[in-house]
Each structure stands twice: as structure tokens, then as C-alpha cells.
N, C-alpha and C. Protein backbone atom coordinates (compact mmCIF):
# COMPACT_ATOMS: atom_id res chain seq x y z
N MET A 1 -27.09 77.71 -79.69
CA MET A 1 -28.62 77.83 -79.06
C MET A 1 -29.89 77.46 -80.10
N VAL A 2 -30.89 76.75 -79.83
CA VAL A 2 -31.70 76.28 -80.62
C VAL A 2 -32.74 77.30 -80.61
N ILE A 3 -33.22 77.89 -79.29
CA ILE A 3 -34.51 79.09 -79.18
C ILE A 3 -33.48 80.21 -79.24
N HIS A 4 -33.86 81.04 -79.90
CA HIS A 4 -33.30 82.51 -79.79
C HIS A 4 -33.40 82.97 -78.30
N PRO A 5 -32.70 83.49 -77.47
CA PRO A 5 -32.90 83.94 -76.40
C PRO A 5 -34.18 85.06 -76.31
N ASP A 6 -34.58 85.68 -77.21
CA ASP A 6 -35.40 86.46 -77.23
C ASP A 6 -36.37 86.15 -78.17
N ALA A 7 -36.50 84.98 -78.37
CA ALA A 7 -37.81 84.05 -79.35
C ALA A 7 -38.99 84.08 -78.50
N PHE A 8 -39.04 83.87 -76.87
CA PHE A 8 -40.32 83.91 -76.20
C PHE A 8 -40.74 85.23 -75.49
N PRO A 9 -42.06 85.72 -75.94
CA PRO A 9 -42.76 86.69 -75.30
C PRO A 9 -42.67 86.34 -73.63
N ASP A 10 -42.97 87.72 -73.12
CA ASP A 10 -42.80 87.60 -71.53
C ASP A 10 -44.12 86.68 -71.00
N ASN A 11 -44.98 86.32 -71.46
CA ASN A 11 -45.89 85.80 -70.98
C ASN A 11 -45.68 83.88 -70.72
N VAL A 12 -44.63 83.74 -71.31
CA VAL A 12 -44.72 82.01 -71.61
C VAL A 12 -44.00 81.61 -70.49
N SER A 13 -44.37 80.60 -69.30
CA SER A 13 -43.95 80.30 -68.11
C SER A 13 -42.62 79.25 -68.21
N PRO A 14 -42.00 79.46 -67.43
CA PRO A 14 -40.51 78.40 -67.31
C PRO A 14 -40.78 77.15 -67.75
N GLU A 15 -42.13 76.61 -67.15
CA GLU A 15 -42.64 75.05 -67.33
C GLU A 15 -42.82 75.02 -68.97
N VAL A 16 -43.18 75.79 -69.59
CA VAL A 16 -43.37 75.99 -71.04
C VAL A 16 -42.18 75.88 -71.80
N LYS A 17 -41.50 77.01 -71.31
CA LYS A 17 -40.17 77.19 -72.13
C LYS A 17 -39.11 75.77 -71.72
N ALA A 18 -39.32 75.45 -70.83
CA ALA A 18 -38.62 74.00 -70.54
C ALA A 18 -39.20 72.98 -71.51
N LEU A 19 -40.36 72.57 -71.77
CA LEU A 19 -40.94 71.63 -72.57
C LEU A 19 -40.44 72.06 -73.93
N LEU A 20 -40.78 73.15 -74.24
CA LEU A 20 -40.29 73.47 -75.89
C LEU A 20 -38.62 73.39 -76.20
N GLU A 21 -37.94 73.66 -75.04
CA GLU A 21 -36.33 73.40 -75.15
C GLU A 21 -36.06 71.82 -75.01
N LYS A 22 -36.54 71.31 -74.59
CA LYS A 22 -36.61 69.67 -74.41
C LYS A 22 -37.20 69.05 -75.75
N TYR A 23 -37.94 69.76 -76.33
CA TYR A 23 -38.58 69.26 -77.68
C TYR A 23 -37.85 69.39 -78.61
N PHE A 24 -36.84 70.58 -78.72
CA PHE A 24 -36.02 70.97 -79.79
C PHE A 24 -34.88 70.21 -79.41
N GLN A 25 -34.33 70.07 -78.40
CA GLN A 25 -33.22 69.53 -78.30
C GLN A 25 -33.08 68.15 -78.83
N LEU A 26 -34.57 67.46 -78.67
CA LEU A 26 -34.38 66.07 -79.28
C LEU A 26 -34.70 65.97 -80.76
N SER A 27 -35.71 66.84 -81.16
CA SER A 27 -35.58 67.37 -82.35
C SER A 27 -34.50 67.42 -83.11
N ASN A 28 -33.46 68.03 -82.39
CA ASN A 28 -32.23 68.22 -83.20
C ASN A 28 -31.04 66.90 -82.88
N ALA A 29 -31.37 66.36 -81.92
CA ALA A 29 -30.62 65.06 -81.93
C ALA A 29 -29.88 64.37 -82.98
N SER A 30 -28.96 64.13 -83.29
CA SER A 30 -28.29 63.18 -84.25
C SER A 30 -28.67 61.73 -84.25
N SER A 31 -29.06 61.38 -85.64
CA SER A 31 -29.40 60.38 -85.90
C SER A 31 -28.23 59.22 -85.65
N SER A 32 -28.23 58.18 -85.03
CA SER A 32 -27.36 57.23 -84.75
C SER A 32 -27.95 56.12 -84.31
N HIS A 33 -27.17 54.75 -84.69
CA HIS A 33 -27.79 53.52 -84.41
C HIS A 33 -27.85 53.24 -82.98
N ASN A 34 -27.02 53.98 -82.02
CA ASN A 34 -26.83 53.82 -80.61
C ASN A 34 -27.75 54.86 -79.87
N ASP A 35 -28.14 55.78 -80.30
CA ASP A 35 -29.16 56.64 -79.51
C ASP A 35 -30.16 57.11 -80.04
N HIS A 36 -30.59 56.66 -81.39
CA HIS A 36 -31.84 57.28 -82.29
C HIS A 36 -32.80 56.59 -81.53
N GLU A 37 -33.07 55.13 -81.46
CA GLU A 37 -34.30 54.76 -80.67
C GLU A 37 -34.58 55.46 -79.26
N ALA A 38 -33.60 55.69 -78.50
CA ALA A 38 -34.02 56.08 -77.12
C ALA A 38 -34.39 57.68 -77.12
N ASN A 39 -33.94 58.21 -78.28
CA ASN A 39 -34.32 59.56 -78.61
C ASN A 39 -35.91 59.99 -78.91
N GLU A 40 -36.17 58.68 -80.01
CA GLU A 40 -37.36 59.16 -80.56
C GLU A 40 -38.22 58.68 -78.91
N GLN A 41 -37.69 57.71 -78.58
CA GLN A 41 -38.76 57.28 -77.37
C GLN A 41 -39.10 58.28 -76.65
N GLU A 42 -38.00 58.97 -76.21
CA GLU A 42 -37.84 60.25 -75.18
C GLU A 42 -38.88 61.56 -75.87
N PHE A 43 -38.80 61.84 -77.12
CA PHE A 43 -39.63 62.31 -77.93
C PHE A 43 -41.04 62.30 -77.86
N ALA A 44 -41.31 61.08 -78.08
CA ALA A 44 -42.79 60.68 -77.96
C ALA A 44 -43.52 60.87 -76.84
N GLU A 45 -42.44 60.83 -75.88
CA GLU A 45 -43.09 60.73 -74.14
C GLU A 45 -43.35 62.28 -73.82
N LEU A 46 -42.96 63.08 -74.89
CA LEU A 46 -43.44 64.66 -74.68
C LEU A 46 -44.85 64.83 -74.91
N PHE A 47 -45.44 63.81 -75.39
CA PHE A 47 -46.75 63.89 -75.90
C PHE A 47 -47.61 63.12 -75.11
N VAL A 48 -49.03 63.29 -74.89
CA VAL A 48 -49.88 62.66 -73.72
C VAL A 48 -49.99 61.20 -74.94
N ASN A 49 -50.47 60.16 -74.13
CA ASN A 49 -50.60 59.05 -74.89
C ASN A 49 -51.23 58.98 -76.36
N ASP A 50 -52.26 59.49 -76.52
CA ASP A 50 -53.16 59.94 -77.89
C ASP A 50 -52.82 61.37 -78.53
N GLY A 51 -51.90 61.85 -78.11
CA GLY A 51 -51.07 63.18 -78.82
C GLY A 51 -51.19 62.86 -80.41
N THR A 52 -50.87 64.13 -80.98
CA THR A 52 -51.01 63.94 -82.64
C THR A 52 -49.93 65.03 -82.93
N TYR A 53 -49.15 64.05 -83.95
CA TYR A 53 -47.98 64.83 -84.39
C TYR A 53 -48.04 65.18 -85.75
N GLU A 54 -47.97 66.26 -86.55
CA GLU A 54 -48.47 66.47 -87.81
C GLU A 54 -47.07 67.13 -88.49
N LEU A 55 -46.84 66.70 -89.91
CA LEU A 55 -45.73 67.36 -90.27
C LEU A 55 -46.03 67.01 -91.73
N ALA A 56 -46.30 68.34 -92.33
CA ALA A 56 -46.63 68.77 -93.67
C ALA A 56 -48.00 68.10 -93.57
N GLU A 57 -48.45 67.03 -94.67
CA GLU A 57 -49.50 66.20 -94.88
C GLU A 57 -49.51 64.83 -93.91
N GLU A 58 -48.92 64.72 -93.22
CA GLU A 58 -48.46 63.36 -92.58
C GLU A 58 -48.82 63.41 -91.15
N GLN A 59 -49.68 62.56 -90.52
CA GLN A 59 -50.45 62.86 -89.44
C GLN A 59 -50.25 61.24 -88.55
N SER A 60 -49.42 61.44 -87.10
CA SER A 60 -49.41 60.56 -86.31
C SER A 60 -50.02 60.74 -84.95
N VAL A 61 -50.78 59.58 -84.82
CA VAL A 61 -51.73 60.01 -83.34
C VAL A 61 -51.23 58.79 -82.42
N GLY A 62 -50.69 59.13 -81.54
CA GLY A 62 -50.14 58.07 -80.44
C GLY A 62 -48.77 57.78 -80.33
N ARG A 63 -48.14 57.94 -79.30
CA ARG A 63 -46.57 57.53 -79.22
C ARG A 63 -45.96 56.69 -80.07
N ASP A 64 -46.68 55.66 -80.50
CA ASP A 64 -46.20 54.72 -81.19
C ASP A 64 -45.99 55.18 -82.65
N GLU A 65 -46.95 55.58 -83.21
CA GLU A 65 -47.11 55.91 -84.58
C GLU A 65 -46.40 57.17 -84.63
N ILE A 66 -46.06 57.98 -83.75
CA ILE A 66 -45.16 59.14 -83.70
C ILE A 66 -43.68 58.65 -83.77
N ILE A 67 -43.38 57.39 -83.10
CA ILE A 67 -41.86 57.02 -82.95
C ILE A 67 -41.49 56.43 -84.26
N SER A 68 -42.73 55.70 -84.84
CA SER A 68 -42.53 55.07 -86.30
C SER A 68 -42.36 55.79 -87.47
N PHE A 69 -42.99 57.11 -87.57
CA PHE A 69 -43.12 58.04 -88.23
C PHE A 69 -41.89 58.88 -88.41
N ARG A 70 -41.12 59.27 -87.20
CA ARG A 70 -40.02 60.05 -87.03
C ARG A 70 -38.84 58.94 -87.09
N LYS A 71 -38.93 57.60 -87.04
CA LYS A 71 -37.88 56.69 -87.43
C LYS A 71 -37.74 56.90 -89.07
N LYS A 72 -38.77 56.58 -89.61
CA LYS A 72 -39.05 56.66 -91.22
C LYS A 72 -38.31 58.20 -91.98
N LEU A 73 -38.91 59.20 -91.13
CA LEU A 73 -38.68 60.58 -91.72
C LEU A 73 -36.76 60.61 -91.39
N PHE A 74 -36.45 60.25 -90.51
CA PHE A 74 -35.07 60.68 -90.13
C PHE A 74 -34.02 59.64 -90.47
N ALA A 75 -34.24 58.79 -91.15
CA ALA A 75 -33.74 57.54 -91.10
C ALA A 75 -32.11 58.03 -92.13
N ASN A 76 -32.51 58.80 -93.07
CA ASN A 76 -31.24 59.21 -94.14
C ASN A 76 -30.93 60.73 -93.60
N ILE A 77 -31.29 61.39 -92.72
CA ILE A 77 -30.80 62.57 -92.08
C ILE A 77 -30.23 62.43 -90.94
N PRO A 78 -29.09 62.04 -90.99
CA PRO A 78 -28.19 62.55 -89.78
C PRO A 78 -28.35 63.34 -89.05
N HIS A 79 -28.18 64.58 -89.68
CA HIS A 79 -28.10 65.91 -88.66
C HIS A 79 -29.36 67.00 -89.24
N ARG A 80 -29.71 67.46 -88.42
CA ARG A 80 -30.79 68.63 -88.51
C ARG A 80 -30.88 69.53 -87.40
N GLU A 81 -31.42 70.68 -87.80
CA GLU A 81 -31.03 71.86 -86.67
C GLU A 81 -32.25 72.96 -86.89
N HIS A 82 -32.86 73.44 -85.79
CA HIS A 82 -34.26 73.98 -85.98
C HIS A 82 -34.54 75.07 -85.00
N PRO A 83 -33.40 76.10 -85.60
CA PRO A 83 -33.50 77.44 -84.62
C PRO A 83 -34.87 78.22 -84.67
N VAL A 84 -35.40 78.41 -83.81
CA VAL A 84 -36.65 78.99 -83.21
C VAL A 84 -36.46 80.38 -83.36
N VAL A 85 -37.01 81.27 -84.33
CA VAL A 85 -36.66 82.68 -84.41
C VAL A 85 -37.67 83.28 -83.51
N ARG A 86 -39.00 82.82 -83.34
CA ARG A 86 -39.87 83.76 -82.79
C ARG A 86 -41.25 82.65 -82.20
N ILE A 87 -41.56 82.79 -80.94
CA ILE A 87 -42.70 82.07 -80.47
C ILE A 87 -43.78 83.22 -80.27
N PHE A 88 -45.13 82.74 -80.32
CA PHE A 88 -46.62 83.70 -80.49
C PHE A 88 -47.11 82.75 -79.21
N THR A 89 -48.24 83.36 -78.28
CA THR A 89 -49.02 82.92 -77.66
C THR A 89 -50.35 83.33 -78.44
N PHE A 90 -51.47 82.41 -78.04
CA PHE A 90 -52.87 82.66 -78.64
C PHE A 90 -53.58 82.11 -77.48
N GLY A 91 -54.67 82.92 -77.36
CA GLY A 91 -55.69 82.29 -76.42
C GLY A 91 -55.15 82.85 -75.18
N SER A 92 -55.77 82.40 -74.00
CA SER A 92 -56.00 82.91 -72.54
C SER A 92 -54.42 82.64 -71.73
N ASP A 93 -53.72 81.85 -72.10
CA ASP A 93 -52.64 81.56 -71.32
C ASP A 93 -51.20 81.10 -72.64
N ASP A 94 -50.73 80.32 -71.52
CA ASP A 94 -49.07 80.04 -72.69
C ASP A 94 -49.45 78.60 -73.07
N MET A 95 -50.46 77.77 -72.92
CA MET A 95 -50.69 76.88 -73.54
C MET A 95 -51.04 76.52 -74.91
N ASN A 96 -51.17 77.46 -75.79
CA ASN A 96 -51.20 77.32 -76.89
C ASN A 96 -50.32 78.58 -77.75
N LEU A 97 -49.38 77.79 -78.52
CA LEU A 97 -48.15 78.63 -78.95
C LEU A 97 -48.28 78.36 -80.68
N MET A 98 -47.60 79.56 -81.14
CA MET A 98 -47.31 79.43 -82.54
C MET A 98 -45.80 79.69 -82.62
N CYS A 99 -44.92 78.89 -83.39
CA CYS A 99 -43.26 79.19 -83.51
C CYS A 99 -43.10 79.14 -84.91
N TYR A 100 -42.10 80.37 -85.27
CA TYR A 100 -41.59 80.19 -86.43
C TYR A 100 -40.01 79.97 -86.24
N GLY A 101 -39.58 79.53 -87.54
CA GLY A 101 -37.82 79.26 -87.62
C GLY A 101 -37.54 78.91 -89.02
N THR A 102 -36.36 78.30 -89.01
CA THR A 102 -35.93 77.68 -90.11
C THR A 102 -35.22 76.63 -89.76
N VAL A 103 -35.19 75.37 -90.54
CA VAL A 103 -34.55 74.04 -90.39
C VAL A 103 -33.67 73.85 -91.54
N GLY A 104 -32.12 73.64 -91.12
CA GLY A 104 -31.28 73.04 -91.73
C GLY A 104 -31.01 71.39 -91.66
N TYR A 105 -30.86 70.73 -92.71
CA TYR A 105 -30.71 69.20 -92.69
C TYR A 105 -30.12 68.91 -93.87
N LYS A 106 -29.26 67.82 -93.64
CA LYS A 106 -28.47 67.04 -94.72
C LYS A 106 -28.55 65.88 -94.72
N ILE A 107 -28.73 65.32 -95.77
CA ILE A 107 -29.02 64.09 -96.40
C ILE A 107 -27.69 63.79 -97.32
N SER A 108 -26.80 62.69 -96.61
CA SER A 108 -25.25 62.19 -97.12
C SER A 108 -24.63 63.14 -97.46
N ASP A 109 -23.93 63.23 -98.76
CA ASP A 109 -22.92 64.10 -98.67
C ASP A 109 -23.45 65.68 -99.36
N GLU A 110 -24.63 65.62 -99.82
CA GLU A 110 -25.41 66.87 -100.28
C GLU A 110 -25.50 68.07 -99.37
N PRO A 111 -25.25 69.28 -99.83
CA PRO A 111 -25.16 70.50 -98.91
C PRO A 111 -26.42 70.48 -98.31
N VAL A 112 -26.23 71.50 -97.01
CA VAL A 112 -27.00 71.41 -96.00
C VAL A 112 -28.58 72.40 -96.80
N ASN A 113 -29.93 71.66 -96.77
CA ASN A 113 -31.02 71.88 -97.13
C ASN A 113 -31.51 73.00 -95.94
N MET A 114 -32.09 74.14 -96.35
CA MET A 114 -32.57 75.15 -95.61
C MET A 114 -34.29 75.26 -95.92
N GLN A 115 -34.90 75.17 -95.13
CA GLN A 115 -36.65 75.39 -95.25
C GLN A 115 -37.21 76.26 -94.13
N GLU A 116 -38.12 77.02 -94.51
CA GLU A 116 -38.69 77.81 -93.43
C GLU A 116 -39.56 77.09 -92.64
N TRP A 117 -40.01 77.13 -91.45
CA TRP A 117 -41.26 76.45 -91.14
C TRP A 117 -41.87 76.99 -89.90
N ALA A 118 -43.34 76.80 -89.84
CA ALA A 118 -44.02 77.34 -88.94
C ALA A 118 -44.62 76.17 -87.92
N ALA A 119 -45.19 76.19 -86.75
CA ALA A 119 -45.67 75.08 -86.10
C ALA A 119 -46.96 75.62 -84.90
N ARG A 120 -47.79 74.86 -84.84
CA ARG A 120 -48.82 75.10 -83.51
C ARG A 120 -48.74 74.01 -82.66
N TYR A 121 -48.76 74.43 -81.45
CA TYR A 121 -48.57 73.71 -80.31
C TYR A 121 -49.44 73.91 -79.34
N GLU A 122 -50.19 72.64 -79.15
CA GLU A 122 -50.90 72.70 -77.95
C GLU A 122 -50.54 71.64 -76.73
N ILE A 123 -50.61 72.45 -75.68
CA ILE A 123 -50.00 72.32 -74.63
C ILE A 123 -51.07 71.80 -73.61
N VAL A 124 -50.97 70.47 -72.81
CA VAL A 124 -51.76 70.21 -71.35
C VAL A 124 -51.16 69.82 -70.69
N ARG A 125 -51.82 70.26 -69.45
CA ARG A 125 -51.24 69.83 -67.97
C ARG A 125 -51.66 68.38 -67.73
N THR A 126 -50.79 67.58 -67.25
CA THR A 126 -51.37 66.42 -67.02
C THR A 126 -51.26 65.77 -65.77
N GLY A 127 -50.82 66.67 -64.78
CA GLY A 127 -50.40 66.49 -63.50
C GLY A 127 -49.67 68.06 -62.99
N PRO A 128 -49.29 67.84 -61.46
CA PRO A 128 -48.51 68.88 -61.02
C PRO A 128 -47.33 68.83 -61.77
N GLY A 129 -46.92 70.24 -62.30
CA GLY A 129 -45.72 70.34 -62.82
C GLY A 129 -45.34 69.39 -64.09
N ASP A 130 -46.47 68.85 -64.71
CA ASP A 130 -46.11 68.08 -65.71
C ASP A 130 -47.09 68.39 -66.98
N LEU A 131 -46.07 68.73 -68.31
CA LEU A 131 -47.02 69.39 -69.40
C LEU A 131 -46.81 68.15 -70.14
N ARG A 132 -47.44 68.18 -71.22
CA ARG A 132 -47.37 67.27 -72.42
C ARG A 132 -47.90 68.15 -73.89
N PHE A 133 -47.33 67.64 -74.83
CA PHE A 133 -48.09 68.35 -75.93
C PHE A 133 -49.20 67.49 -76.48
N LYS A 134 -50.44 67.99 -76.86
CA LYS A 134 -51.49 67.59 -77.31
C LYS A 134 -51.55 66.95 -78.59
N HIS A 135 -51.17 68.41 -79.31
CA HIS A 135 -51.00 68.53 -80.74
C HIS A 135 -50.01 69.34 -81.25
N VAL A 136 -49.25 68.77 -82.03
CA VAL A 136 -48.09 69.62 -82.63
C VAL A 136 -48.24 69.25 -84.31
N GLN A 137 -48.61 70.34 -84.84
CA GLN A 137 -48.63 70.65 -86.41
C GLN A 137 -47.56 71.89 -87.16
N ILE A 138 -46.76 70.90 -87.99
CA ILE A 138 -45.68 71.63 -88.65
C ILE A 138 -45.91 71.90 -90.01
N ILE A 139 -45.52 73.07 -90.25
CA ILE A 139 -45.89 73.47 -91.83
C ILE A 139 -44.38 73.92 -92.66
N ILE A 140 -44.01 73.32 -93.30
CA ILE A 140 -42.73 73.44 -93.83
C ILE A 140 -42.45 73.91 -95.49
N SER A 141 -41.69 74.63 -95.66
CA SER A 141 -41.65 75.50 -97.36
C SER A 141 -40.27 76.17 -97.47
N PRO A 142 -39.81 75.50 -98.51
CA PRO A 142 -38.59 76.32 -98.82
C PRO A 142 -38.53 77.65 -98.82
N ALA A 143 -37.17 77.58 -97.96
CA ALA A 143 -36.62 78.84 -97.95
C ALA A 143 -36.39 80.01 -98.94
N ARG A 144 -36.75 81.27 -98.77
CA ARG A 144 -36.93 82.33 -100.28
C ARG A 144 -35.47 82.82 -99.91
N ASP A 145 -35.14 83.20 -100.77
CA ASP A 145 -33.68 83.86 -100.65
C ASP A 145 -33.90 85.42 -100.62
N SER A 146 -33.17 85.95 -99.75
CA SER A 146 -33.35 87.38 -99.25
C SER A 146 -32.95 88.41 -99.93
């Protein structure tokens, strides 16, 4: 399971949970020539048309830029996994979230590289039962030895 069962606070709606679960399912999808393009397209469609995706210092605005950035980012990373440890809400509802977790990824024959990450998610309702990301900001740092 990508999101730990106890990661969500009680005030997160099933709709928001489903959006985040889909986001991490697609984020963890293996990069292959057969399905990589389709996965990135589906990932970008989780955002509004002019949505923003930030990873470290890189910012992509709009679905086409998000797809292009992620294709470059994961071109040499065939496998990655982002276990979500904890999700926090802020504001008056569950449309603004913070997440904390770790990411493990493998480049060719190298050992798995583990890093801690945190992210801020701004979600908007685009229609009845339809939620999309307006802004996702991801911060990554090397994991510390415990």
C-alpha cells in the first residue's frame, strides 16, 4: 500500500482520498515504453489545465509542461515508490493538504536511493464530484540515518 492506512486524518473526505490514491498510483507507475506516455497523460489530467507542479527548484505550469518535465525526470528511473507516512489538513477544509513520506527510486543497477519528502497539495472542485490539483509543491531531502 502506498498510503499507510492511518496516514489520513478523520476530516479528509473519500473524494480527496481517492484523488491522492490515484496521484500516488500514477506517481509510482513503472516507466516503460509501453505505458509511460499514457501514465504521464493520466497523471497530468489530475491537474486543472493551468495547474502547477513543483519539484525542488523546477516548476511546470500546465498539463503539457507537467508531462514533459516528468518524462525527462523519470526517463532513467524505471521504478520508484513513495510511501505516504502522514497527511495533514490546513485551512477550513480538506482541500489544502501537507503530506510527509519517503521515496525510494532505482537508477539502472545502482542500489535503491531513499529520500525524505514533503509536499503541499492545493485541490479545487471543478464540477460535481470532480476534484483536481491546482498546485502541488514537493520538497525532497536525503533521508537521515536513524
